C-alpha atoms as a PDB file:
ATOM      1  CA  MET A   1     192.454 132.104  32.005  1.00  0.00           C
ATOM      2  CA  LEU A   2     189.149 130.137  32.865  1.00  0.00           C
ATOM      3  CA  LYS A   3     186.873 131.871  35.115  1.00  0.00           C
ATOM      4  CA  ALA A   4     185.586 130.350  38.866  1.00  0.00           C
ATOM      5  CA  GLU A   5     182.095 128.969  36.792  1.00  0.00           C
ATOM      6  CA  GLU A   6     183.830 127.828  33.639  1.00  0.00           C
ATOM      7  CA  LYS A   7     186.339 126.258  36.353  1.00  0.00           C
ATOM      8  CA  ILE A   8     183.662 124.040  38.324  1.00  0.00           C
ATOM      9  CA  GLN A   9     181.641 122.858  35.691  1.00  0.00           C
ATOM     10  CA  LYS A  10     184.758 121.736  33.707  1.00  0.00           C
ATOM     11  CA  ALA A  11     185.472 119.677  37.365  1.00  0.00           C
ATOM     12  CA  ALA A  12     182.261 118.241  37.538  1.00  0.00           C
ATOM     13  CA  LEU A  13     182.418 117.155  34.173  1.00  0.00           C
ATOM     14  CA  SER A  14     185.363 115.333  33.690  1.00  0.00           C
ATOM     15  CA  THR A  15     184.447 113.692  37.117  1.00  0.00           C
ATOM     16  CA  ILE A  16     181.251 112.441  35.961  1.00  0.00           C
ATOM     17  CA  GLU A  17     182.705 111.362  32.509  1.00  0.00           C
ATOM     18  CA  ASN A  18     185.789 109.346  34.465  1.00  0.00           C
ATOM     19  CA  GLU A  19     183.314 107.591  36.593  1.00  0.00           C
ATOM     20  CA  TRP A  20     181.212 106.399  34.334  1.00  0.00           C
ATOM     21  CA  ARG A  21     183.916 105.239  31.865  1.00  0.00           C
ATOM     22  CA  SER A  22     184.958 103.032  34.832  1.00  0.00           C
ATOM     23  CA  ILE A  23     181.359 101.754  35.439  1.00  0.00           C
ATOM     24  CA  GLN A  24     180.980 100.497  31.692  1.00  0.00           C
ATOM     25  CA  LYS A  25     184.277  98.495  32.378  1.00  0.00           C
ATOM     26  CA  LEU A  26     182.394  97.087  35.307  1.00  0.00           C
ATOM     27  CA  ASP A  27     180.590  94.416  32.899  1.00  0.00           C
ATOM     28  CA  LYS A  28     184.103  92.268  31.859  1.00  0.00           C
ATOM     29  CA  SER A  29     184.042  92.017  36.184  1.00  0.00           C
ATOM     30  CA  ILE A  30     180.736  90.115  36.094  1.00  0.00           C
ATOM     31  CA  ASN A  31     182.127  86.200  34.806  1.00  0.00           C
ATOM     32  CA  ASP A  32     182.393  83.238  36.875  1.00  0.00           C
ATOM     33  CA  GLU A  33     184.342  84.253  39.655  1.00  0.00           C
ATOM     34  CA  PHE A  34     181.072  87.129  39.883  1.00  0.00           C
ATOM     35  CA  ILE A  35     178.919  84.481  39.783  1.00  0.00           C
ATOM     36  CA  GLY A  36     180.501  81.679  42.136  1.00  0.00           C
ATOM     37  CA  ALA A  37     180.438  84.904  44.759  1.00  0.00           C
ATOM     38  CA  VAL A  38     176.995  85.258  44.090  1.00  0.00           C
ATOM     39  CA  LYS A  39     175.913  81.540  44.977  1.00  0.00           C
ATOM     40  CA  LEU A  40     178.528  81.321  47.928  1.00  0.00           C
ATOM     41  CA  LEU A  41     176.521  84.478  49.107  1.00  0.00           C
ATOM     42  CA  TYR A  42     172.890  82.650  48.346  1.00  0.00           C
ATOM     43  CA  SER A  43     173.655  79.364  49.895  1.00  0.00           C
ATOM     44  CA  LEU A  44     175.556  80.373  53.095  1.00  0.00           C
ATOM     45  CA  GLN A  45     174.062  79.823  56.574  1.00  0.00           C
ATOM     46  CA  GLY A  46     175.704  82.521  58.103  1.00  0.00           C
ATOM     47  CA  ARG A  47     176.098  86.120  57.511  1.00  0.00           C
ATOM     48  CA  VAL A  48     177.881  88.492  55.187  1.00  0.00           C
ATOM     49  CA  ILE A  49     181.147  90.783  57.169  1.00  0.00           C
ATOM     50  CA  VAL A  50     182.029  92.877  55.144  1.00  0.00           C
ATOM     51  CA  THR A  51     185.672  94.850  55.783  1.00  0.00           C
ATOM     52  CA  GLY A  52     187.518  97.139  54.587  1.00  0.00           C
ATOM     53  CA  ILE A  53     189.504 100.673  55.947  1.00  0.00           C
ATOM     54  CA  GLY A  54     189.416 104.051  55.043  1.00  0.00           C
ATOM     55  CA  LYS A  55     187.315 104.771  52.200  1.00  0.00           C
ATOM     56  CA  SER A  56     187.045 101.483  51.157  1.00  0.00           C
ATOM     57  CA  ALA A  57     185.226 100.986  54.992  1.00  0.00           C
ATOM     58  CA  ASN A  58     182.586 103.411  54.196  1.00  0.00           C
ATOM     59  CA  ILE A  59     181.838 101.845  50.881  1.00  0.00           C
ATOM     60  CA  ALA A  60     181.788  98.420  52.692  1.00  0.00           C
ATOM     61  CA  GLN A  61     179.039 100.127  55.370  1.00  0.00           C
ATOM     62  CA  LYS A  62     176.826 100.898  52.154  1.00  0.00           C
ATOM     63  CA  ILE A  63     177.022  97.367  51.172  1.00  0.00           C
ATOM     64  CA  VAL A  64     176.269  96.161  54.366  1.00  0.00           C
ATOM     65  CA  ALA A  65     172.725  98.626  54.648  1.00  0.00           C
ATOM     66  CA  THR A  66     171.881  97.425  51.068  1.00  0.00           C
ATOM     67  CA  PHE A  67     172.461  93.769  52.129  1.00  0.00           C
ATOM     68  CA  ASN A  68     170.478  93.967  55.038  1.00  0.00           C
ATOM     69  CA  SER A  69     167.338  95.931  53.237  1.00  0.00           C
ATOM     70  CA  THR A  70     166.959  93.499  50.506  1.00  0.00           C
ATOM     71  CA  GLY A  71     166.898  90.049  52.676  1.00  0.00           C
ATOM     72  CA  THR A  72     170.908  89.259  52.941  1.00  0.00           C
ATOM     73  CA  PRO A  73     172.107  89.421  56.721  1.00  0.00           C
ATOM     74  CA  SER A  74     175.070  91.456  57.108  1.00  0.00           C
ATOM     75  CA  ILE A  75     177.466  93.011  59.580  1.00  0.00           C
ATOM     76  CA  PHE A  76     179.991  95.989  59.057  1.00  0.00           C
ATOM     77  CA  MET A  77     183.666  95.100  60.602  1.00  0.00           C
ATOM     78  CA  HIS A  78     186.323  97.620  60.408  1.00  0.00           C
ATOM     79  CA  ALA A  79     189.640  95.561  59.275  1.00  0.00           C
ATOM     80  CA  ALA A  80     191.471  97.895  61.997  1.00  0.00           C
ATOM     81  CA  ASP A  81     189.401  97.284  64.722  1.00  0.00           C
ATOM     82  CA  ALA A  82     188.858  93.352  63.485  1.00  0.00           C
ATOM     83  CA  ILE A  83     192.970  92.763  64.291  1.00  0.00           C
ATOM     84  CA  HIS A  84     192.109  94.666  67.731  1.00  0.00           C
ATOM     85  CA  GLY A  85     189.250  92.454  69.167  1.00  0.00           C
ATOM     86  CA  ASP A  86     186.431  92.828  66.500  1.00  0.00           C
ATOM     87  CA  LEU A  87     187.650  89.713  64.733  1.00  0.00           C
ATOM     88  CA  GLY A  88     185.142  87.414  68.163  1.00  0.00           C
ATOM     89  CA  ILE A  89     182.031  89.081  65.134  1.00  0.00           C
ATOM     90  CA  VAL A  90     183.116  86.743  63.071  1.00  0.00           C
ATOM     91  CA  ARG A  91     181.111  83.326  63.218  1.00  0.00           C
ATOM     92  CA  LYS A  92     182.109  79.698  61.654  1.00  0.00           C
ATOM     93  CA  ASP A  93     179.063  80.298  59.023  1.00  0.00           C
ATOM     94  CA  ASP A  94     180.193  83.361  57.739  1.00  0.00           C
ATOM     95  CA  VAL A  95     181.142  84.728  54.650  1.00  0.00           C
ATOM     96  CA  VAL A  96     183.473  87.854  54.777  1.00  0.00           C
ATOM     97  CA  ILE A  97     183.551  90.570  51.812  1.00  0.00           C
ATOM     98  CA  ALA A  98     187.132  92.436  52.310  1.00  0.00           C
ATOM     99  CA  ILE A  99     187.485  95.591  50.397  1.00  0.00           C
ATOM    100  CA  SER A 100     190.518  97.348  49.138  1.00  0.00           C
ATOM    101  CA  LYS A 101     191.512  99.243  46.414  1.00  0.00           C
ATOM    102  CA  SER A 102     195.069  97.970  46.261  1.00  0.00           C
ATOM    103  CA  GLY A 103     194.759  94.969  48.336  1.00  0.00           C
ATOM    104  CA  GLU A 104     198.334  95.611  49.714  1.00  0.00           C
ATOM    105  CA  THR A 105     196.446  97.291  52.953  1.00  0.00           C
ATOM    106  CA  PRO A 106     198.779  96.418  56.239  1.00  0.00           C
ATOM    107  CA  GLU A 107     195.823  95.808  58.207  1.00  0.00           C
ATOM    108  CA  VAL A 108     194.138  93.997  55.543  1.00  0.00           C
ATOM    109  CA  LYS A 109     197.161  92.152  55.198  1.00  0.00           C
ATOM    110  CA  VAL A 110     197.272  90.916  58.737  1.00  0.00           C
ATOM    111  CA  LEU A 111     193.712  90.218  59.042  1.00  0.00           C
ATOM    112  CA  ILE A 112     193.381  87.690  55.912  1.00  0.00           C
ATOM    113  CA  PRO A 113     195.263  84.754  57.422  1.00  0.00           C
ATOM    114  CA  LEU A 114     193.424  85.271  60.493  1.00  0.00           C
ATOM    115  CA  LEU A 115     190.351  84.656  58.754  1.00  0.00           C
ATOM    116  CA  LYS A 116     191.462  82.019  56.630  1.00  0.00           C
ATOM    117  CA  SER A 117     193.062  80.505  59.871  1.00  0.00           C
ATOM    118  CA  MET A 118     188.903  80.221  60.878  1.00  0.00           C
ATOM    119  CA  GLN A 119     188.373  78.651  57.622  1.00  0.00           C
ATOM    120  CA  ASN A 120     185.521  81.271  56.633  1.00  0.00           C
ATOM    121  CA  PRO A 121     185.053  81.663  52.805  1.00  0.00           C
ATOM    122  CA  ILE A 122     186.805  85.137  51.342  1.00  0.00           C
ATOM    123  CA  ILE A 123     185.842  87.369  48.655  1.00  0.00           C
ATOM    124  CA  ALA A 124     187.830  90.264  47.802  1.00  0.00           C
ATOM    125  CA  LEU A 125     186.564  93.035  46.004  1.00  0.00           C
ATOM    126  CA  VAL A 126     189.574  94.783  44.486  1.00  0.00           C
ATOM    127  CA  GLY A 127     191.094  97.274  42.340  1.00  0.00           C
ATOM    128  CA  ASN A 128     194.235  94.997  41.696  1.00  0.00           C
ATOM    129  CA  VAL A 129     193.684  91.754  40.540  1.00  0.00           C
ATOM    130  CA  ASN A 130     197.511  90.579  41.139  1.00  0.00           C
ATOM    131  CA  SER A 131     197.469  91.654  44.946  1.00  0.00           C
ATOM    132  CA  TYR A 132     198.195  89.933  48.147  1.00  0.00           C
ATOM    133  CA  LEU A 133     194.239  89.803  48.729  1.00  0.00           C
ATOM    134  CA  ALA A 134     193.023  88.276  45.007  1.00  0.00           C
ATOM    135  CA  ALA A 135     195.767  85.858  46.139  1.00  0.00           C
ATOM    136  CA  GLN A 136     194.222  84.887  48.802  1.00  0.00           C
ATOM    137  CA  ALA A 137     191.038  85.026  48.553  1.00  0.00           C
ATOM    138  CA  ASP A 138     188.395  82.268  46.966  1.00  0.00           C
ATOM    139  CA  PHE A 139     186.193  84.206  44.677  1.00  0.00           C
ATOM    140  CA  VAL A 140     187.778  87.862  43.382  1.00  0.00           C
ATOM    141  CA  LEU A 141     185.993  90.377  42.067  1.00  0.00           C
ATOM    142  CA  ASP A 142     187.603  93.039  39.878  1.00  0.00           C
ATOM    143  CA  ALA A 143     187.181  96.563  40.142  1.00  0.00           C
ATOM    144  CA  THR A 144     190.150  98.069  38.511  1.00  0.00           C
ATOM    145  CA  VAL A 145     189.813 101.736  37.121  1.00  0.00           C
ATOM    146  CA  ASP A 146     191.782 103.128  34.529  1.00  0.00           C
ATOM    147  CA  LYS A 147     192.328 106.256  37.348  1.00  0.00           C
ATOM    148  CA  GLU A 148     190.685 108.404  40.213  1.00  0.00           C
ATOM    149  CA  ALA A 149     188.216 111.167  38.626  1.00  0.00           C
ATOM    150  CA  CYS A 150     190.855 112.938  40.992  1.00  0.00           C
ATOM    151  CA  PRO A 151     192.752 115.414  38.995  1.00  0.00           C
ATOM    152  CA  ASN A 152     196.206 114.094  41.229  1.00  0.00           C
ATOM    153  CA  ASN A 153     195.301 110.032  41.065  1.00  0.00           C
ATOM    154  CA  LEU A 154     194.983 110.346  44.667  1.00  0.00           C
ATOM    155  CA  ALA A 155     191.728 111.091  46.048  1.00  0.00           C
ATOM    156  CA  PRO A 156     189.083 107.658  45.975  1.00  0.00           C
ATOM    157  CA  THR A 157     186.442 108.496  43.157  1.00  0.00           C
ATOM    158  CA  SER A 158     186.266 106.290  40.390  1.00  0.00           C
ATOM    159  CA  SER A 159     187.574 103.687  42.645  1.00  0.00           C
ATOM    160  CA  THR A 160     185.474 103.493  45.572  1.00  0.00           C
ATOM    161  CA  THR A 161     182.516 104.255  42.695  1.00  0.00           C
ATOM    162  CA  ALA A 162     183.204 100.721  41.516  1.00  0.00           C
ATOM    163  CA  GLN A 163     183.573  99.341  44.564  1.00  0.00           C
ATOM    164  CA  LEU A 164     179.943 100.425  45.501  1.00  0.00           C
ATOM    165  CA  VAL A 165     178.590  99.507  42.304  1.00  0.00           C
ATOM    166  CA  MET A 166     180.137  96.019  42.287  1.00  0.00           C
ATOM    167  CA  GLY A 167     178.160  96.054  45.812  1.00  0.00           C
ATOM    168  CA  ASP A 168     175.139  96.729  44.003  1.00  0.00           C
ATOM    169  CA  ALA A 169     175.279  94.060  41.912  1.00  0.00           C
ATOM    170  CA  LEU A 170     176.116  91.439  44.618  1.00  0.00           C
ATOM    171  CA  ALA A 171     172.995  92.330  46.353  1.00  0.00           C
ATOM    172  CA  VAL A 172     170.398  92.742  43.427  1.00  0.00           C
ATOM    173  CA  SER A 173     171.401  89.424  42.015  1.00  0.00           C
ATOM    174  CA  LEU A 174     170.980  88.132  45.706  1.00  0.00           C
ATOM    175  CA  LEU A 175     167.700  89.744  45.288  1.00  0.00           C
ATOM    176  CA  GLU A 176     166.448  88.386  41.966  1.00  0.00           C
ATOM    177  CA  LEU A 177     167.357  84.824  43.233  1.00  0.00           C
ATOM    178  CA  ARG A 178     165.461  84.924  46.226  1.00  0.00           C
ATOM    179  CA  GLY A 179     162.298  86.129  44.698  1.00  0.00           C
ATOM    180  CA  PHE A 180     162.516  89.158  46.884  1.00  0.00           C
ATOM    181  CA  SER A 181     159.207  91.192  46.846  1.00  0.00           C
ATOM    182  CA  ALA A 182     157.708  94.287  47.123  1.00  0.00           C
ATOM    183  CA  ASP A 183     156.356  92.957  50.379  1.00  0.00           C
ATOM    184  CA  ASP A 184     159.552  91.929  51.453  1.00  0.00           C
ATOM    185  CA  PHE A 185     160.834  94.987  51.079  1.00  0.00           C
ATOM    186  CA  ALA A 186     158.135  96.857  53.068  1.00  0.00           C
ATOM    187  CA  ARG A 187     158.938  94.513  56.199  1.00  0.00           C
ATOM    188  CA  TYR A 188     161.987  95.157  56.161  1.00  0.00           C
ATOM    189  CA  HIS A 189     161.008  99.249  56.146  1.00  0.00           C
ATOM    190  CA  PRO A 190     158.418  99.662  58.555  1.00  0.00           C
ATOM    191  CA  GLY A 191     158.814 103.037  59.501  1.00  0.00           C
ATOM    192  CA  GLY A 192     159.660 104.916  56.290  1.00  0.00           C
ATOM    193  CA  SER A 193     157.425 106.064  53.343  1.00  0.00           C
ATOM    194  CA  LEU A 194     158.498 103.320  51.027  1.00  0.00           C
ATOM    195  CA  GLY A 195     157.779 100.800  53.587  1.00  0.00           C
ATOM    196  CA  LYS A 196     154.489 102.776  54.714  1.00  0.00           C
ATOM    197  CA  ARG A 197     153.346 102.817  50.850  1.00  0.00           C
ATOM    198  CA  MET A 198     153.551  98.869  50.543  1.00  0.00           C
ATOM    199  CA  TYR A 199     151.741  98.149  53.997  1.00  0.00           C
ATOM    200  CA  LEU A 200     149.849 101.425  55.173  1.00  0.00           C
ATOM    201  CA  ARG A 201     146.114 100.730  54.833  1.00  0.00           C
ATOM    202  CA  VAL A 202     143.133 102.971  54.307  1.00  0.00           C
ATOM    203  CA  SER A 203     141.619 101.608  57.754  1.00  0.00           C
ATOM    204  CA  ASP A 204     144.947 102.452  59.651  1.00  0.00           C
ATOM    205  CA  LEU A 205     144.312 106.060  58.900  1.00  0.00           C
ATOM    206  CA  SER A 206     140.807 106.469  58.273  1.00  0.00           C
ATOM    207  CA  GLY A 207     140.181 105.017  61.983  1.00  0.00           C
ATOM    208  CA  GLN A 208     141.643 107.785  63.522  1.00  0.00           C
ATOM    209  CA  ASN A 209     139.154 110.058  61.957  1.00  0.00           C
ATOM    210  CA  ALA A 210     135.880 110.869  62.942  1.00  0.00           C
ATOM    211  CA  LYS A 211     132.641 109.448  61.168  1.00  0.00           C
ATOM    212  CA  PRO A 212     130.962 112.186  59.610  1.00  0.00           C
ATOM    213  CA  ALA A 213     127.007 111.029  58.636  1.00  0.00           C
ATOM    214  CA  VAL A 214     123.788 112.679  57.928  1.00  0.00           C
ATOM    215  CA  ASP A 215     120.376 111.368  56.818  1.00  0.00           C
ATOM    216  CA  ALA A 216     119.657 112.186  53.026  1.00  0.00           C
ATOM    217  CA  GLU A 217     116.760 114.205  54.859  1.00  0.00           C
ATOM    218  CA  ALA A 218     118.707 115.848  57.035  1.00  0.00           C
ATOM    219  CA  LEU A 219     118.537 120.053  56.161  1.00  0.00           C
ATOM    220  CA  MET A 220     121.569 121.942  55.283  1.00  0.00           C
ATOM    221  CA  PRO A 221     121.559 123.713  58.841  1.00  0.00           C
ATOM    222  CA  GLU A 222     122.600 120.184  60.047  1.00  0.00           C
ATOM    223  CA  VAL A 223     124.961 119.418  56.975  1.00  0.00           C
ATOM    224  CA  ILE A 224     127.031 122.465  57.807  1.00  0.00           C
ATOM    225  CA  ILE A 225     127.255 121.688  61.677  1.00  0.00           C
ATOM    226  CA  GLU A 226     128.421 117.963  60.716  1.00  0.00           C
ATOM    227  CA  ILE A 227     130.998 119.087  58.275  1.00  0.00           C
ATOM    228  CA  SER A 228     132.430 121.549  60.687  1.00  0.00           C
ATOM    229  CA  SER A 229     132.337 119.857  64.014  1.00  0.00           C
ATOM    230  CA  LYS A 230     134.017 116.768  62.062  1.00  0.00           C
ATOM    231  CA  ARG A 231     137.019 118.429  60.662  1.00  0.00           C
ATOM    232  CA  LEU A 232     137.425 116.230  57.498  1.00  0.00           C
ATOM    233  CA  GLY A 233     135.489 118.844  54.729  1.00  0.00           C
ATOM    234  CA  THR A 234     132.604 116.336  54.295  1.00  0.00           C
ATOM    235  CA  THR A 235     130.243 114.407  55.184  1.00  0.00           C
ATOM    236  CA  ALA A 236     128.676 111.172  54.033  1.00  0.00           C
ATOM    237  CA  VAL A 237     124.871 111.246  53.030  1.00  0.00           C
ATOM    238  CA  LEU A 238     123.236 107.885  54.216  1.00  0.00           C
ATOM    239  CA  LYS A 239     119.809 106.419  53.102  1.00  0.00           C
ATOM    240  CA  ASN A 240     118.704 103.461  54.750  1.00  0.00           C
ATOM    241  CA  ASN A 241     122.050 103.434  56.599  1.00  0.00           C
ATOM    242  CA  GLN A 242     123.591 103.099  52.741  1.00  0.00           C
ATOM    243  CA  LEU A 243     126.595 105.218  51.634  1.00  0.00           C
ATOM    244  CA  VAL A 244     124.128 107.676  48.752  1.00  0.00           C
ATOM    245  CA  GLY A 245     126.249 110.844  48.259  1.00  0.00           C
ATOM    246  CA  VAL A 246     128.902 113.228  50.328  1.00  0.00           C
ATOM    247  CA  ILE A 247     128.476 116.651  50.527  1.00  0.00           C
ATOM    248  CA  THR A 248     132.030 118.893  51.159  1.00  0.00           C
ATOM    249  CA  ASP A 249     132.330 122.129  51.915  1.00  0.00           C
ATOM    250  CA  GLY A 250     132.767 122.945  48.575  1.00  0.00           C
ATOM    251  CA  ASP A 251     129.920 122.235  47.582  1.00  0.00           C
ATOM    252  CA  LEU A 252     128.465 124.388  50.664  1.00  0.00           C
ATOM    253  CA  ARG A 253     130.385 127.495  48.949  1.00  0.00           C
ATOM    254  CA  ARG A 254     128.840 126.844  45.741  1.00  0.00           C
ATOM    255  CA  MET A 255     125.531 126.769  47.209  1.00  0.00           C
ATOM    256  CA  ILE A 256     126.020 129.777  49.669  1.00  0.00           C
ATOM    257  CA  GLU A 257     127.111 131.821  45.949  1.00  0.00           C
ATOM    258  CA  LYS A 258     124.462 131.062  44.650  1.00  0.00           C
ATOM    259  CA  ASN A 259     122.420 132.861  47.442  1.00  0.00           C
ATOM    260  CA  LEU A 260     119.658 130.495  47.791  1.00  0.00           C
ATOM    261  CA  ASP A 261     117.610 130.000  50.486  1.00  0.00           C
ATOM    262  CA  PHE A 262     119.666 126.830  52.381  1.00  0.00           C
ATOM    263  CA  ALA A 263     117.798 126.638  55.556  1.00  0.00           C
ATOM    264  CA  HIS A 264     114.911 124.128  53.833  1.00  0.00           C
ATOM    265  CA  ILE A 265     117.508 122.608  51.310  1.00  0.00           C
ATOM    266  CA  ARG A 266     117.790 118.758  52.210  1.00  0.00           C
ATOM    267  CA  ALA A 267     120.890 117.014  51.849  1.00  0.00           C
ATOM    268  CA  GLU A 268     120.050 114.620  49.092  1.00  0.00           C
ATOM    269  CA  GLU A 269     119.279 117.930  46.901  1.00  0.00           C
ATOM    270  CA  VAL A 270     123.080 118.904  47.189  1.00  0.00           C
ATOM    271  CA  MET A 271     124.808 115.783  47.583  1.00  0.00           C
ATOM    272  CA  THR A 272     127.584 114.338  44.845  1.00  0.00           C
ATOM    273  CA  LYS A 273     125.386 110.992  44.537  1.00  0.00           C
ATOM    274  CA  ASN A 274     127.187 108.002  43.675  1.00  0.00           C
ATOM    275  CA  PRO A 275     130.522 109.302  45.057  1.00  0.00           C
ATOM    276  CA  ARG A 276     134.050 107.480  44.525  1.00  0.00           C
ATOM    277  CA  THR A 277     134.943 105.278  47.328  1.00  0.00           C
ATOM    278  CA  ILE A 278     137.342 102.782  49.218  1.00  0.00           C
ATOM    279  CA  ASN A 279     137.641 100.159  50.982  1.00  0.00           C
ATOM    280  CA  GLY A 280     139.325  99.947  54.407  1.00  0.00           C
ATOM    281  CA  ASP A 281     141.606  96.855  53.260  1.00  0.00           C
ATOM    282  CA  GLU A 282     142.923  99.204  50.443  1.00  0.00           C
ATOM    283  CA  LEU A 283     146.929 100.271  50.362  1.00  0.00           C
ATOM    284  CA  VAL A 284     146.774 104.221  51.420  1.00  0.00           C
ATOM    285  CA  VAL A 285     148.674 104.553  47.799  1.00  0.00           C
ATOM    286  CA  ASN A 286     145.512 103.477  45.833  1.00  0.00           C
ATOM    287  CA  ALA A 287     143.727 106.093  47.569  1.00  0.00           C
ATOM    288  CA  LEU A 288     146.011 108.452  47.053  1.00  0.00           C
ATOM    289  CA  ASP A 289     146.332 107.792  43.561  1.00  0.00           C
ATOM    290  CA  ILE A 290     141.783 107.839  42.874  1.00  0.00           C
ATOM    291  CA  MET A 291     142.326 111.327  45.200  1.00  0.00           C
ATOM    292  CA  ARG A 292     144.913 112.374  42.394  1.00  0.00           C
ATOM    293  CA  LEU A 293     142.753 111.208  39.663  1.00  0.00           C
ATOM    294  CA  ASN A 294     139.812 113.044  40.493  1.00  0.00           C
ATOM    295  CA  ASN A 295     141.062 116.383  41.800  1.00  0.00           C
ATOM    296  CA  ILE A 296     140.051 115.403  45.475  1.00  0.00           C
ATOM    297  CA  THR A 297     141.055 115.253  48.790  1.00  0.00           C
ATOM    298  CA  GLN A 298     138.720 112.641  50.464  1.00  0.00           C
ATOM    299  CA  LEU A 299     137.130 109.848  49.904  1.00  0.00           C
ATOM    300  CA  PRO A 300     134.598 107.836  52.225  1.00  0.00           C
ATOM    301  CA  VAL A 301     135.378 103.967  53.017  1.00  0.00           C
ATOM    302  CA  VAL A 302     133.049 101.300  52.195  1.00  0.00           C
ATOM    303  CA  ASN A 303     133.526  97.914  53.849  1.00  0.00           C
ATOM    304  CA  GLU A 304     131.246  95.148  52.997  1.00  0.00           C
ATOM    305  CA  GLY A 305     128.500  97.949  51.814  1.00  0.00           C
ATOM    306  CA  GLU A 306     128.496  99.614  55.007  1.00  0.00           C
ATOM    307  CA  TYR A 307     129.932 103.304  55.434  1.00  0.00           C
ATOM    308  CA  ALA A 308     132.687 102.717  57.312  1.00  0.00           C
ATOM    309  CA  GLY A 309     134.493 106.330  57.449  1.00  0.00           C
ATOM    310  CA  VAL A 310     136.949 109.074  55.610  1.00  0.00           C
ATOM    311  CA  ILE A 311     140.304 109.125  54.738  1.00  0.00           C
ATOM    312  CA  HIS A 312     141.628 112.869  53.845  1.00  0.00           C
ATOM    313  CA  LEU A 313     144.551 114.106  51.398  1.00  0.00           C
ATOM    314  CA  HIS A 314     145.695 115.679  55.020  1.00  0.00           C
ATOM    315  CA  ASP A 315     145.792 112.063  56.751  1.00  0.00           C
ATOM    316  CA  ILE A 316     148.259 110.699  53.985  1.00  0.00           C
ATOM    317  CA  LEU A 317     150.523 113.501  54.118  1.00  0.00           C
ATOM    318  CA  ARG A 318     151.065 113.021  58.027  1.00  0.00           C
ATOM    319  CA  GLU A 319     152.391 109.795  57.118  1.00  0.00           C
ATOM    320  CA  GLY A 320     155.049 110.956  55.048  1.00  0.00           C
ATOM    321  CA  ILE A 321     154.352 108.890  51.901  1.00  0.00           C
ATOM    322  CA  ILE A 322     153.941 111.907  49.391  1.00  0.00           C
END
């Protein structure tokens, strides 16, 4: 008798293998029907209405989310709710994607004639190409699987994975046709870390910080007060209002370890000359790359040759970009 650990491992590996085999067979579904469906979606003037019931409804919601985030306006409509009032969601220029493993679900069979009477094109994403839904659709996307990963061949597992993959294939095909760029993606994700990586500028963060700076002739007590009061762990060193170096709290610690009489030491004697800098218009992710490459936590910001402040690793962490 198998131990619990062995049973778990066997079941998990069997599930992965079964679903992987189901996905591999989908390449045969990328045919003229698929291409026609993509062309229809690409040319539509309205929205994509994605509908289903049960687990297919869950997949429909994910497909809608993927479409919306990649530039294809979409709305989820539950098949059961549609025949009880939600059919008003559908407008004349919309295309409907109906998802069903069997293609014979009672709610879907009631819904389809209503959609056809409204003359909305129907794309069927089905696991049975000989079903009622497939026969009524304008385009049929075949998501047939040999068996579910469930040992009883009952719980939707492989079938819903196949539906999900076909939905992603539609979304990515449309994305490619539209030339959907990283900037477009960021525009649709302004509140998330992915979006911030694409649009957040250095000046957006450095402008919120203090602007530590001392003259190159300043003595170390003044430097220490400036670093401590501005709370960024560094200060710019300026000469004739131009950035000539930086001093960090690490530089101060190393100086103290040498037991130097720092009261009479000038900033220009301790500073790191020609430090790494970044323009305020640069993306924050570029600042992060420079920090990682040089093993530093702060970067002076320089705009058109003028010192404009500091961006700190903590600023980037706070925005959730890492």
